Amino acid sequence: IALVVNLIKERATYISDFWNLSHYFFESPKAYDEKAS
C-alpha cells in the first residue's frame, strides 16, 4: 500500500482521496469509461 501511496499522493489532498486514485492497484476494473473507450 505504501508503494501505491508513493505513486498517487501527488494528486491527493486528503487520505480519503486515495481510493479513487488507486483502486485499480487493488482490484480489476469493473467498468470502462465510455468516452475513453
Full PDB file with SEQRES, HELIX, SHEET, SSBOND, CRYST1, ORIGX, SCALE, CONECT and MASTER records, all heavy atoms in Angstrom:
SEQRES   1 A   37  ILE ALA LEU VAL VAL ASN LEU ILE LYS GLU ARG ALA THR          
SEQRES   2 A   37  TYR ILE SER ASP PHE TRP ASN LEU SER HIS TYR PHE PHE          
SEQRES   3 A   37  GLU SER PRO LYS ALA TYR ASP GLU LYS ALA SER                  
HELIX    1 AA1 ALA A    2  ILE A    8  1                                   7    
HELIX    2 AA2 LYS A    9  ARG A   11  5                                   3    
HELIX    3 AA3 ILE A   15  ASP A   17  5                                   3    
HELIX    4 AA4 PHE A   18  SER A   22  1                                   5    
HELIX    5 AA5 HIS A   23  PHE A   25  5                                   3    
CRYST1    1.000    1.000    1.000  90.00  90.00  90.00 P 1           1          
ORIGX1      1.000000  0.000000  0.000000        0.00000                         
ORIGX2      0.000000  1.000000  0.000000        0.00000                         
ORIGX3      0.000000  0.000000  1.000000        0.00000                         
SCALE1      1.000000  0.000000  0.000000        0.00000                         
SCALE2      0.000000  1.000000  0.000000        0.00000                         
SCALE3      0.000000  0.000000  1.000000        0.00000                         
ATOM      1  N   ILE A   1       0.843  -1.203   0.000  1.00  0.00           N  
ATOM      2  CA  ILE A   1       0.000   0.000   0.000  1.00  0.00           C  
ATOM      3  C   ILE A   1       0.876   1.251   0.000  1.00  0.00           C  
ATOM      4  O   ILE A   1       0.567   2.231  -0.683  1.00  0.00           O  
ATOM      5  CB  ILE A   1      -0.941  -0.003   1.220  1.00  0.00           C  
ATOM      6  CG1 ILE A   1      -1.843  -1.245   1.206  1.00  0.00           C  
ATOM      7  CG2 ILE A   1      -1.799   1.263   1.242  1.00  0.00           C  
ATOM      8  CD1 ILE A   1      -2.679  -1.420   2.467  1.00  0.00           C  
ATOM      9  N   ALA A   2       1.986   1.219   0.738  1.00  0.00           N  
ATOM     10  CA  ALA A   2       2.900   2.369   0.796  1.00  0.00           C  
ATOM     11  C   ALA A   2       3.496   2.666  -0.579  1.00  0.00           C  
ATOM     12  O   ALA A   2       3.681   3.831  -0.950  1.00  0.00           O  
ATOM     13  CB  ALA A   2       4.008   2.108   1.809  1.00  0.00           C  
ATOM     14  N   LEU A   3       3.799   1.613  -1.360  1.00  0.00           N  
ATOM     15  CA  LEU A   3       4.322   1.818  -2.716  1.00  0.00           C  
ATOM     16  C   LEU A   3       3.262   2.473  -3.605  1.00  0.00           C  
ATOM     17  O   LEU A   3       3.570   3.349  -4.423  1.00  0.00           O  
ATOM     18  CB  LEU A   3       4.754   0.471  -3.316  1.00  0.00           C  
ATOM     19  CG  LEU A   3       5.994  -0.194  -2.688  1.00  0.00           C  
ATOM     20  CD1 LEU A   3       6.192  -1.592  -3.271  1.00  0.00           C  
ATOM     21  CD2 LEU A   3       7.239   0.656  -2.930  1.00  0.00           C  
ATOM     22  N   VAL A   4       2.022   2.044  -3.417  1.00  0.00           N  
ATOM     23  CA  VAL A   4       0.913   2.648  -4.173  1.00  0.00           C  
ATOM     24  C   VAL A   4       0.758   4.115  -3.786  1.00  0.00           C  
ATOM     25  O   VAL A   4       0.629   4.992  -4.653  1.00  0.00           O  
ATOM     26  CB  VAL A   4      -0.400   1.881  -3.905  1.00  0.00           C  
ATOM     27  CG1 VAL A   4      -1.581   2.622  -4.536  1.00  0.00           C  
ATOM     28  CG2 VAL A   4      -0.314   0.455  -4.450  1.00  0.00           C  
ATOM     29  N   VAL A   5       0.770   4.380  -2.492  1.00  0.00           N  
ATOM     30  CA  VAL A   5       0.636   5.746  -1.992  1.00  0.00           C  
ATOM     31  C   VAL A   5       1.695   6.651  -2.601  1.00  0.00           C  
ATOM     32  O   VAL A   5       1.431   7.785  -3.000  1.00  0.00           O  
ATOM     33  CB  VAL A   5       0.705   5.769  -0.450  1.00  0.00           C  
ATOM     34  CG1 VAL A   5       0.927   7.185   0.073  1.00  0.00           C  
ATOM     35  CG2 VAL A   5      -0.570   5.173   0.154  1.00  0.00           C  
ATOM     36  N   ASN A   6       2.908   6.156  -2.678  1.00  0.00           N  
ATOM     37  CA  ASN A   6       4.008   6.941  -3.237  1.00  0.00           C  
ATOM     38  C   ASN A   6       3.722   7.358  -4.683  1.00  0.00           C  
ATOM     39  O   ASN A   6       4.132   8.429  -5.129  1.00  0.00           O  
ATOM     40  CB  ASN A   6       5.305   6.144  -3.164  1.00  0.00           C  
ATOM     41  CG  ASN A   6       6.502   6.938  -3.656  1.00  0.00           C  
ATOM     42  OD1 ASN A   6       6.782   8.022  -3.151  1.00  0.00           O  
ATOM     43  ND2 ASN A   6       7.182   6.419  -4.658  1.00  0.00           N  
ATOM     44  N   LEU A   7       2.992   6.514  -5.411  1.00  0.00           N  
ATOM     45  CA  LEU A   7       2.700   6.788  -6.815  1.00  0.00           C  
ATOM     46  C   LEU A   7       1.537   7.760  -7.013  1.00  0.00           C  
ATOM     47  O   LEU A   7       1.479   8.452  -8.033  1.00  0.00           O  
ATOM     48  CB  LEU A   7       2.384   5.477  -7.547  1.00  0.00           C  
ATOM     49  CG  LEU A   7       3.546   4.485  -7.722  1.00  0.00           C  
ATOM     50  CD1 LEU A   7       3.035   3.170  -8.299  1.00  0.00           C  
ATOM     51  CD2 LEU A   7       4.624   5.076  -8.627  1.00  0.00           C  
ATOM     52  N   ILE A   8       0.627   7.812  -6.057  1.00  0.00           N  
ATOM     53  CA  ILE A   8      -0.605   8.590  -6.303  1.00  0.00           C  
ATOM     54  C   ILE A   8      -0.782   9.809  -5.394  1.00  0.00           C  
ATOM     55  O   ILE A   8      -1.649  10.643  -5.625  1.00  0.00           O  
ATOM     56  CB  ILE A   8      -1.862   7.684  -6.202  1.00  0.00           C  
ATOM     57  CG1 ILE A   8      -1.927   6.943  -4.854  1.00  0.00           C  
ATOM     58  CG2 ILE A   8      -1.890   6.688  -7.337  1.00  0.00           C  
ATOM     59  CD1 ILE A   8      -2.756   7.580  -3.788  1.00  0.00           C  
ATOM     60  N   LYS A   9       0.038   9.966  -4.370  1.00  0.00           N  
ATOM     61  CA  LYS A   9      -0.240  11.026  -3.391  1.00  0.00           C  
ATOM     62  C   LYS A   9      -0.035  12.441  -3.942  1.00  0.00           C  
ATOM     63  O   LYS A   9      -0.594  13.390  -3.404  1.00  0.00           O  
ATOM     64  CB  LYS A   9       0.584  10.825  -2.113  1.00  0.00           C  
ATOM     65  CG  LYS A   9       2.077  11.094  -2.239  1.00  0.00           C  
ATOM     66  CD  LYS A   9       2.754  10.908  -0.883  1.00  0.00           C  
ATOM     67  CE  LYS A   9       4.225  11.280  -0.926  1.00  0.00           C  
ATOM     68  NZ  LYS A   9       4.877  11.118   0.393  1.00  0.00           N  
ATOM     69  N   GLU A  10       0.735  12.562  -5.030  1.00  0.00           N  
ATOM     70  CA  GLU A  10       0.939  13.902  -5.595  1.00  0.00           C  
ATOM     71  C   GLU A  10      -0.357  14.478  -6.166  1.00  0.00           C  
ATOM     72  O   GLU A  10      -0.470  15.680  -6.377  1.00  0.00           O  
ATOM     73  CB  GLU A  10       2.024  13.886  -6.662  1.00  0.00           C  
ATOM     74  CG  GLU A  10       1.665  13.110  -7.917  1.00  0.00           C  
ATOM     75  CD  GLU A  10       2.744  13.203  -8.977  1.00  0.00           C  
ATOM     76  OE1 GLU A  10       3.507  14.171  -8.939  1.00  0.00           O  
ATOM     77  OE2 GLU A  10       2.821  12.298  -9.829  1.00  0.00           O  
ATOM     78  N   ARG A  11      -1.354  13.618  -6.400  1.00  0.00           N  
ATOM     79  CA  ARG A  11      -2.645  14.094  -6.903  1.00  0.00           C  
ATOM     80  C   ARG A  11      -3.701  14.159  -5.807  1.00  0.00           C  
ATOM     81  O   ARG A  11      -4.867  14.433  -6.084  1.00  0.00           O  
ATOM     82  CB  ARG A  11      -3.130  13.181  -8.037  1.00  0.00           C  
ATOM     83  CG  ARG A  11      -2.321  13.355  -9.313  1.00  0.00           C  
ATOM     84  CD  ARG A  11      -2.774  12.417 -10.415  1.00  0.00           C  
ATOM     85  NE  ARG A  11      -2.462  11.025 -10.117  1.00  0.00           N  
ATOM     86  CZ  ARG A  11      -1.259  10.474 -10.282  1.00  0.00           C  
ATOM     87  NH1 ARG A  11      -0.257  11.219 -10.736  1.00  0.00           N  
ATOM     88  NH2 ARG A  11      -1.027   9.222  -9.984  1.00  0.00           N  
ATOM     89  N   ALA A  12      -3.286  13.888  -4.562  1.00  0.00           N  
ATOM     90  CA  ALA A  12      -4.252  13.841  -3.451  1.00  0.00           C  
ATOM     91  C   ALA A  12      -4.141  15.062  -2.554  1.00  0.00           C  
ATOM     92  O   ALA A  12      -3.063  15.639  -2.392  1.00  0.00           O  
ATOM     93  CB  ALA A  12      -4.017  12.574  -2.629  1.00  0.00           C  
ATOM     94  N   THR A  13      -5.264  15.435  -1.964  1.00  0.00           N  
ATOM     95  CA  THR A  13      -5.283  16.467  -0.940  1.00  0.00           C  
ATOM     96  C   THR A  13      -5.519  15.853   0.431  1.00  0.00           C  
ATOM     97  O   THR A  13      -4.986  16.313   1.429  1.00  0.00           O  
ATOM     98  CB  THR A  13      -6.393  17.496  -1.233  1.00  0.00           C  
ATOM     99  OG1 THR A  13      -6.134  18.102  -2.503  1.00  0.00           O  
ATOM    100  CG2 THR A  13      -6.442  18.596  -0.175  1.00  0.00           C  
ATOM    101  N   TYR A  14      -6.330  14.778   0.464  1.00  0.00           N  
ATOM    102  CA  TYR A  14      -6.642  14.081   1.714  1.00  0.00           C  
ATOM    103  C   TYR A  14      -6.389  12.586   1.532  1.00  0.00           C  
ATOM    104  O   TYR A  14      -6.414  12.073   0.408  1.00  0.00           O  
ATOM    105  CB  TYR A  14      -8.113  14.270   2.108  1.00  0.00           C  
ATOM    106  CG  TYR A  14      -8.619  15.676   1.981  1.00  0.00           C  
ATOM    107  CD1 TYR A  14      -9.475  16.036   0.932  1.00  0.00           C  
ATOM    108  CD2 TYR A  14      -8.271  16.652   2.907  1.00  0.00           C  
ATOM    109  CE1 TYR A  14      -9.965  17.325   0.812  1.00  0.00           C  
ATOM    110  CE2 TYR A  14      -8.755  17.940   2.788  1.00  0.00           C  
ATOM    111  CZ  TYR A  14      -9.595  18.277   1.749  1.00  0.00           C  
ATOM    112  OH  TYR A  14     -10.063  19.551   1.618  1.00  0.00           O  
ATOM    113  N   ILE A  15      -6.217  11.905   2.625  1.00  0.00           N  
ATOM    114  CA  ILE A  15      -6.084  10.438   2.571  1.00  0.00           C  
ATOM    115  C   ILE A  15      -7.361   9.825   1.999  1.00  0.00           C  
ATOM    116  O   ILE A  15      -7.321   8.798   1.318  1.00  0.00           O  
ATOM    117  CB  ILE A  15      -5.771   9.873   3.972  1.00  0.00           C  
ATOM    118  CG1 ILE A  15      -4.367  10.335   4.409  1.00  0.00           C  
ATOM    119  CG2 ILE A  15      -5.856   8.346   3.989  1.00  0.00           C  
ATOM    120  CD1 ILE A  15      -4.004   9.996   5.839  1.00  0.00           C  
ATOM    121  N   SER A  16      -8.493  10.483   2.245  1.00  0.00           N  
ATOM    122  CA  SER A  16      -9.761   9.975   1.718  1.00  0.00           C  
ATOM    123  C   SER A  16      -9.815  10.012   0.191  1.00  0.00           C  
ATOM    124  O   SER A  16     -10.682   9.393  -0.424  1.00  0.00           O  
ATOM    125  CB  SER A  16     -10.941  10.773   2.292  1.00  0.00           C  
ATOM    126  OG  SER A  16     -10.804  12.150   1.997  1.00  0.00           O  
ATOM    127  N   ASP A  17      -8.884  10.731  -0.450  1.00  0.00           N  
ATOM    128  CA  ASP A  17      -8.809  10.753  -1.919  1.00  0.00           C  
ATOM    129  C   ASP A  17      -8.131   9.502  -2.479  1.00  0.00           C  
ATOM    130  O   ASP A  17      -8.232   9.227  -3.679  1.00  0.00           O  
ATOM    131  CB  ASP A  17      -7.998  11.965  -2.405  1.00  0.00           C  
ATOM    132  CG  ASP A  17      -8.658  13.290  -2.086  1.00  0.00           C  
ATOM    133  OD1 ASP A  17      -9.893  13.310  -1.942  1.00  0.00           O  
ATOM    134  OD2 ASP A  17      -7.932  14.309  -1.987  1.00  0.00           O  
ATOM    135  N   PHE A  18      -7.412   8.786  -1.623  1.00  0.00           N  
ATOM    136  CA  PHE A  18      -6.528   7.710  -2.095  1.00  0.00           C  
ATOM    137  C   PHE A  18      -7.273   6.618  -2.871  1.00  0.00           C  
ATOM    138  O   PHE A  18      -6.791   6.146  -3.897  1.00  0.00           O  
ATOM    139  CB  PHE A  18      -5.770   7.074  -0.926  1.00  0.00           C  
ATOM    140  CG  PHE A  18      -4.623   7.900  -0.403  1.00  0.00           C  
ATOM    141  CD1 PHE A  18      -3.875   7.450   0.681  1.00  0.00           C  
ATOM    142  CD2 PHE A  18      -4.278   9.109  -0.988  1.00  0.00           C  
ATOM    143  CE1 PHE A  18      -2.809   8.192   1.169  1.00  0.00           C  
ATOM    144  CE2 PHE A  18      -3.203   9.857  -0.509  1.00  0.00           C  
ATOM    145  CZ  PHE A  18      -2.473   9.398   0.582  1.00  0.00           C  
ATOM    146  N   TRP A  19      -8.439   6.201  -2.382  1.00  0.00           N  
ATOM    147  CA  TRP A  19      -9.101   5.056  -3.021  1.00  0.00           C  
ATOM    148  C   TRP A  19      -9.481   5.368  -4.457  1.00  0.00           C  
ATOM    149  O   TRP A  19      -9.230   4.565  -5.364  1.00  0.00           O  
ATOM    150  CB  TRP A  19     -10.322   4.618  -2.227  1.00  0.00           C  
ATOM    151  CG  TRP A  19     -11.023   3.448  -2.875  1.00  0.00           C  
ATOM    152  CD1 TRP A  19     -12.209   3.451  -3.525  1.00  0.00           C  
ATOM    153  CD2 TRP A  19     -10.527   2.101  -2.964  1.00  0.00           C  
ATOM    154  NE1 TRP A  19     -12.500   2.198  -4.023  1.00  0.00           N  
ATOM    155  CE2 TRP A  19     -11.487   1.354  -3.687  1.00  0.00           C  
ATOM    156  CE3 TRP A  19      -9.384   1.469  -2.508  1.00  0.00           C  
ATOM    157  CZ2 TRP A  19     -11.329  -0.002  -3.956  1.00  0.00           C  
ATOM    158  CZ3 TRP A  19      -9.225   0.108  -2.775  1.00  0.00           C  
ATOM    159  CH2 TRP A  19     -10.184  -0.606  -3.492  1.00  0.00           C  
ATOM    160  N   ASN A  20     -10.074   6.519  -4.689  1.00  0.00           N  
ATOM    161  CA  ASN A  20     -10.456   6.875  -6.058  1.00  0.00           C  
ATOM    162  C   ASN A  20      -9.250   6.987  -6.978  1.00  0.00           C  
ATOM    163  O   ASN A  20      -9.357   6.759  -8.190  1.00  0.00           O  
ATOM    164  CB  ASN A  20     -11.224   8.196  -6.065  1.00  0.00           C  
ATOM    165  CG  ASN A  20     -12.651   8.029  -5.583  1.00  0.00           C  
ATOM    166  OD1 ASN A  20     -13.215   6.932  -5.638  1.00  0.00           O  
ATOM    167  ND2 ASN A  20     -13.240   9.112  -5.095  1.00  0.00           N  
ATOM    168  N   LEU A  21      -8.106   7.342  -6.407  1.00  0.00           N  
ATOM    169  CA  LEU A  21      -6.884   7.491  -7.201  1.00  0.00           C  
ATOM    170  C   LEU A  21      -6.123   6.183  -7.380  1.00  0.00           C  
ATOM    171  O   LEU A  21      -5.229   6.101  -8.215  1.00  0.00           O  
ATOM    172  CB  LEU A  21      -5.951   8.517  -6.534  1.00  0.00           C  
ATOM    173  CG  LEU A  21      -6.422   9.975  -6.516  1.00  0.00           C  
ATOM    174  CD1 LEU A  21      -5.512  10.803  -5.607  1.00  0.00           C  
ATOM    175  CD2 LEU A  21      -6.421  10.557  -7.931  1.00  0.00           C  
ATOM    176  N   SER A  22      -6.474   5.154  -6.603  1.00  0.00           N  
ATOM    177  CA  SER A  22      -5.625   3.951  -6.598  1.00  0.00           C  
ATOM    178  C   SER A  22      -6.365   2.624  -6.607  1.00  0.00           C  
ATOM    179  O   SER A  22      -5.737   1.568  -6.546  1.00  0.00           O  
ATOM    180  CB  SER A  22      -4.739   3.978  -5.341  1.00  0.00           C  
ATOM    181  OG  SER A  22      -5.526   3.785  -4.170  1.00  0.00           O  
ATOM    182  N   HIS A  23      -7.687   2.637  -6.723  1.00  0.00           N  
ATOM    183  CA  HIS A  23      -8.462   1.391  -6.605  1.00  0.00           C  
ATOM    184  C   HIS A  23      -7.988   0.317  -7.580  1.00  0.00           C  
ATOM    185  O   HIS A  23      -8.029  -0.882  -7.291  1.00  0.00           O  
ATOM    186  CB  HIS A  23      -9.951   1.666  -6.813  1.00  0.00           C  
ATOM    187  CG  HIS A  23     -10.265   2.292  -8.130  1.00  0.00           C  
ATOM    188  ND1 HIS A  23     -10.523   1.562  -9.270  1.00  0.00           N  
ATOM    189  CD2 HIS A  23     -10.342   3.601  -8.503  1.00  0.00           C  
ATOM    190  CE1 HIS A  23     -10.744   2.373 -10.281  1.00  0.00           C  
ATOM    191  NE2 HIS A  23     -10.649   3.624  -9.850  1.00  0.00           N  
ATOM    192  N   TYR A  24      -7.498   0.716  -8.739  1.00  0.00           N  
ATOM    193  CA  TYR A  24      -7.072  -0.244  -9.766  1.00  0.00           C  
ATOM    194  C   TYR A  24      -5.791  -0.982  -9.382  1.00  0.00           C  
ATOM    195  O   TYR A  24      -5.423  -1.968 -10.033  1.00  0.00           O  
ATOM    196  CB  TYR A  24      -6.896   0.468 -11.109  1.00  0.00           C  
ATOM    197  CG  TYR A  24      -6.107   1.750 -11.015  1.00  0.00           C  
ATOM    198  CD1 TYR A  24      -4.725   1.745 -11.079  1.00  0.00           C  
ATOM    199  CD2 TYR A  24      -6.772   2.968 -10.832  1.00  0.00           C  
ATOM    200  CE1 TYR A  24      -4.014   2.928 -10.965  1.00  0.00           C  
ATOM    201  CE2 TYR A  24      -6.061   4.149 -10.724  1.00  0.00           C  
ATOM    202  CZ  TYR A  24      -4.686   4.126 -10.791  1.00  0.00           C  
ATOM    203  OH  TYR A  24      -3.977   5.287 -10.680  1.00  0.00           O  
ATOM    204  N   PHE A  25      -5.107  -0.532  -8.345  1.00  0.00           N  
ATOM    205  CA  PHE A  25      -3.946  -1.275  -7.850  1.00  0.00           C  
ATOM    206  C   PHE A  25      -4.381  -2.471  -7.004  1.00  0.00           C  
ATOM    207  O   PHE A  25      -3.589  -3.362  -6.717  1.00  0.00           O  
ATOM    208  CB  PHE A  25      -3.044  -0.374  -6.989  1.00  0.00           C  
ATOM    209  CG  PHE A  25      -2.188   0.574  -7.779  1.00  0.00           C  
ATOM    210  CD1 PHE A  25      -2.512   1.916  -7.867  1.00  0.00           C  
ATOM    211  CD2 PHE A  25      -1.043   0.116  -8.436  1.00  0.00           C  
ATOM    212  CE1 PHE A  25      -1.721   2.791  -8.586  1.00  0.00           C  
ATOM    213  CE2 PHE A  25      -0.245   0.980  -9.156  1.00  0.00           C  
ATOM    214  CZ  PHE A  25      -0.582   2.330  -9.239  1.00  0.00           C  
ATOM    215  N   PHE A  26      -5.651  -2.462  -6.592  1.00  0.00           N  
ATOM    216  CA  PHE A  26      -6.138  -3.477  -5.661  1.00  0.00           C  
ATOM    217  C   PHE A  26      -7.234  -4.356  -6.246  1.00  0.00           C  
ATOM    218  O   PHE A  26      -7.512  -5.432  -5.735  1.00  0.00           O  
ATOM    219  CB  PHE A  26      -6.656  -2.791  -4.389  1.00  0.00           C  
ATOM    220  CG  PHE A  26      -5.659  -1.847  -3.767  1.00  0.00           C  
ATOM    221  CD1 PHE A  26      -5.803  -0.469  -3.910  1.00  0.00           C  
ATOM    222  CD2 PHE A  26      -4.568  -2.338  -3.065  1.00  0.00           C  
ATOM    223  CE1 PHE A  26      -4.884   0.399  -3.333  1.00  0.00           C  
ATOM    224  CE2 PHE A  26      -3.639  -1.472  -2.496  1.00  0.00           C  
ATOM    225  CZ  PHE A  26      -3.794  -0.101  -2.630  1.00  0.00           C  
ATOM    226  N   GLU A  27      -7.883  -3.893  -7.325  1.00  0.00           N  
ATOM    227  CA  GLU A  27      -8.934  -4.688  -7.941  1.00  0.00           C  
ATOM    228  C   GLU A  27      -9.037  -4.346  -9.425  1.00  0.00           C  
ATOM    229  O   GLU A  27      -8.720  -3.227  -9.834  1.00  0.00           O  
ATOM    230  CB  GLU A  27     -10.279  -4.446  -7.243  1.00  0.00           C  
ATOM    231  CG  GLU A  27     -10.738  -2.997  -7.255  1.00  0.00           C  
ATOM    232  CD  GLU A  27     -12.027  -2.769  -6.475  1.00  0.00           C  
ATOM    233  OE1 GLU A  27     -12.371  -3.610  -5.629  1.00  0.00           O  
ATOM    234  OE2 GLU A  27     -12.682  -1.739  -6.718  1.00  0.00           O  
ATOM    235  N   SER A  28      -9.480  -5.326 -10.211  1.00  0.00           N  
ATOM    236  CA  SER A  28      -9.615  -5.120 -11.655  1.00  0.00           C  
ATOM    237  C   SER A  28     -10.745  -4.149 -11.947  1.00  0.00           C  
ATOM    238  O   SER A  28     -11.706  -4.067 -11.178  1.00  0.00           O  
ATOM    239  CB  SER A  28      -9.924  -6.450 -12.344  1.00  0.00           C  
ATOM    240  OG  SER A  28      -8.873  -7.362 -12.151  1.00  0.00           O  
ATOM    241  N   PRO A  29     -10.645  -3.431 -13.061  1.00  0.00           N  
ATOM    242  CA  PRO A  29     -11.741  -2.522 -13.423  1.00  0.00           C  
ATOM    243  C   PRO A  29     -13.051  -3.285 -13.591  1.00  0.00           C  
ATOM    244  O   PRO A  29     -13.070  -4.372 -14.173  1.00  0.00           O  
ATOM    245  CB  PRO A  29     -11.292  -1.937 -14.761  1.00  0.00           C  
ATOM    246  CG  PRO A  29      -9.814  -2.108 -14.789  1.00  0.00           C  
ATOM    247  CD  PRO A  29      -9.533  -3.366 -14.032  1.00  0.00           C  
ATOM    248  N   LYS A  30     -14.124  -2.733 -13.046  1.00  0.00           N  
ATOM    249  CA  LYS A  30     -15.442  -3.360 -13.179  1.00  0.00           C  
ATOM    250  C   LYS A  30     -16.205  -2.761 -14.363  1.00  0.00           C  
ATOM    251  O   LYS A  30     -17.198  -3.311 -14.821  1.00  0.00           O  
ATOM    252  CB  LYS A  30     -16.238  -3.173 -11.895  1.00  0.00           C  
ATOM    253  CG  LYS A  30     -15.653  -3.934 -10.694  1.00  0.00           C  
ATOM    254  CD  LYS A  30     -16.520  -3.736  -9.451  1.00  0.00           C  
ATOM    255  CE  LYS A  30     -16.056  -4.631  -8.300  1.00  0.00           C  
ATOM    256  NZ  LYS A  30     -14.681  -4.355  -7.871  1.00  0.00           N  
ATOM    257  N   ALA A  31     -15.719  -1.622 -14.829  1.00  0.00           N  
ATOM    258  CA  ALA A  31     -16.337  -0.959 -15.977  1.00  0.00           C  
ATOM    259  C   ALA A  31     -15.283  -0.096 -16.656  1.00  0.00           C  
ATOM    260  O   ALA A  31     -14.212   0.150 -16.087  1.00  0.00           O  
ATOM    261  CB  ALA A  31     -17.519  -0.106 -15.513  1.00  0.00           C  
ATOM    262  N   TYR A  32     -15.575   0.336 -17.865  1.00  0.00           N  
ATOM    263  CA  TYR A  32     -14.618   1.155 -18.627  1.00  0.00           C  
ATOM    264  C   TYR A  32     -15.306   2.458 -19.027  1.00  0.00           C  
ATOM    265  O   TYR A  32     -16.446   2.443 -19.500  1.00  0.00           O  
ATOM    266  CB  TYR A  32     -14.144   0.393 -19.867  1.00  0.00           C  
ATOM    267  CG  TYR A  32     -13.466  -0.906 -19.529  1.00  0.00           C  
ATOM    268  CD1 TYR A  32     -14.199  -2.095 -19.457  1.00  0.00           C  
ATOM    269  CD2 TYR A  32     -12.099  -0.958 -19.259  1.00  0.00           C  
ATOM    270  CE1 TYR A  32     -13.591  -3.301 -19.125  1.00  0.00           C  
ATOM    271  CE2 TYR A  32     -11.481  -2.154 -18.924  1.00  0.00           C  
ATOM    272  CZ  TYR A  32     -12.239  -3.326 -18.858  1.00  0.00           C  
ATOM    273  OH  TYR A  32     -11.613  -4.503 -18.519  1.00  0.00           O  
ATOM    274  N   ASP A  33     -14.603   3.551 -18.819  1.00  0.00           N  
ATOM    275  CA  ASP A  33     -15.149   4.860 -19.154  1.00  0.00           C  
ATOM    276  C   ASP A  33     -15.564   4.890 -20.628  1.00  0.00           C  
ATOM    277  O   ASP A  33     -14.764   4.580 -21.519  1.00  0.00           O  
ATOM    278  CB  ASP A  33     -14.096   5.943 -18.871  1.00  0.00           C  
ATOM    279  CG  ASP A  33     -14.619   7.330 -19.165  1.00  0.00           C  
ATOM    280  OD1 ASP A  33     -15.288   7.907 -18.285  1.00  0.00           O  
ATOM    281  OD2 ASP A  33     -14.348   7.829 -20.268  1.00  0.00           O  
ATOM    282  N   GLU A  34     -16.819   5.245 -20.886  1.00  0.00           N  
ATOM    283  CA  GLU A  34     -17.372   5.160 -22.243  1.00  0.00           C  
ATOM    284  C   GLU A  34     -16.657   6.090 -23.220  1.00  0.00           C  
ATOM    285  O   GLU A  34     -16.282   5.693 -24.324  1.00  0.00           O  
ATOM    286  CB  GLU A  34     -18.868   5.499 -22.196  1.00  0.00           C  
ATOM    287  CG  GLU A  34     -19.566   5.292 -23.519  1.00  0.00           C  
ATOM    288  CD  GLU A  34     -21.066   5.548 -23.432  1.00  0.00           C  
ATOM    289  OE1 GLU A  34     -21.592   5.635 -22.295  1.00  0.00           O  
ATOM    290  OE2 GLU A  34     -21.698   5.685 -24.495  1.00  0.00           O  
ATOM    291  N   LYS A  35     -16.453   7.323 -22.806  1.00  0.00           N  
ATOM    292  CA  LYS A  35     -15.791   8.304 -23.665  1.00  0.00           C  
ATOM    293  C   LYS A  35     -14.355   7.886 -23.954  1.00  0.00           C  
ATOM    294  O   LYS A  35     -13.865   7.964 -25.107  1.00  0.00           O  
ATOM    295  CB  LYS A  35     -15.822   9.678 -23.005  1.00  0.00           C  
ATOM    296  CG  LYS A  35     -15.342  10.813 -23.883  1.00  0.00           C  
ATOM    297  CD  LYS A  35     -15.507  12.150 -23.166  1.00  0.00           C  
ATOM    298  CE  LYS A  35     -14.996  13.285 -24.045  1.00  0.00           C  
ATOM    299  NZ  LYS A  35     -15.127  14.598 -23.341  1.00  0.00           N  
ATOM    300  N   ALA A  36     -13.662   7.385 -22.913  1.00  0.00           N  
ATOM    301  CA  ALA A  36     -12.276   6.941 -23.077  1.00  0.00           C  
ATOM    302  C   ALA A  36     -12.204   5.704 -23.966  1.00  0.00           C  
ATOM    303  O   ALA A  36     -11.260   5.542 -24.757  1.00  0.00           O  
ATOM    304  CB  ALA A  36     -11.664   6.644 -21.708  1.00  0.00           C  
ATOM    305  N   SER A  37     -13.200   4.839 -23.862  1.00  0.00           N  
ATOM    306  CA  SER A  37     -13.221   3.608 -24.670  1.00  0.00           C  
ATOM    307  C   SER A  37     -13.302   3.937 -26.160  1.00  0.00           C  
ATOM    308  O   SER A  37     -12.602   3.336 -26.993  1.00  0.00           O  
ATOM    309  CB  SER A  37     -14.410   2.743 -24.265  1.00  0.00           C  
ATOM    310  OG  SER A  37     -14.323   2.373 -22.908  1.00  0.00           O  
TER     311      SER A  37                                                      
MASTER        0    0    0    5    0    0    0    6  310    1    0    3          
END                                                                             
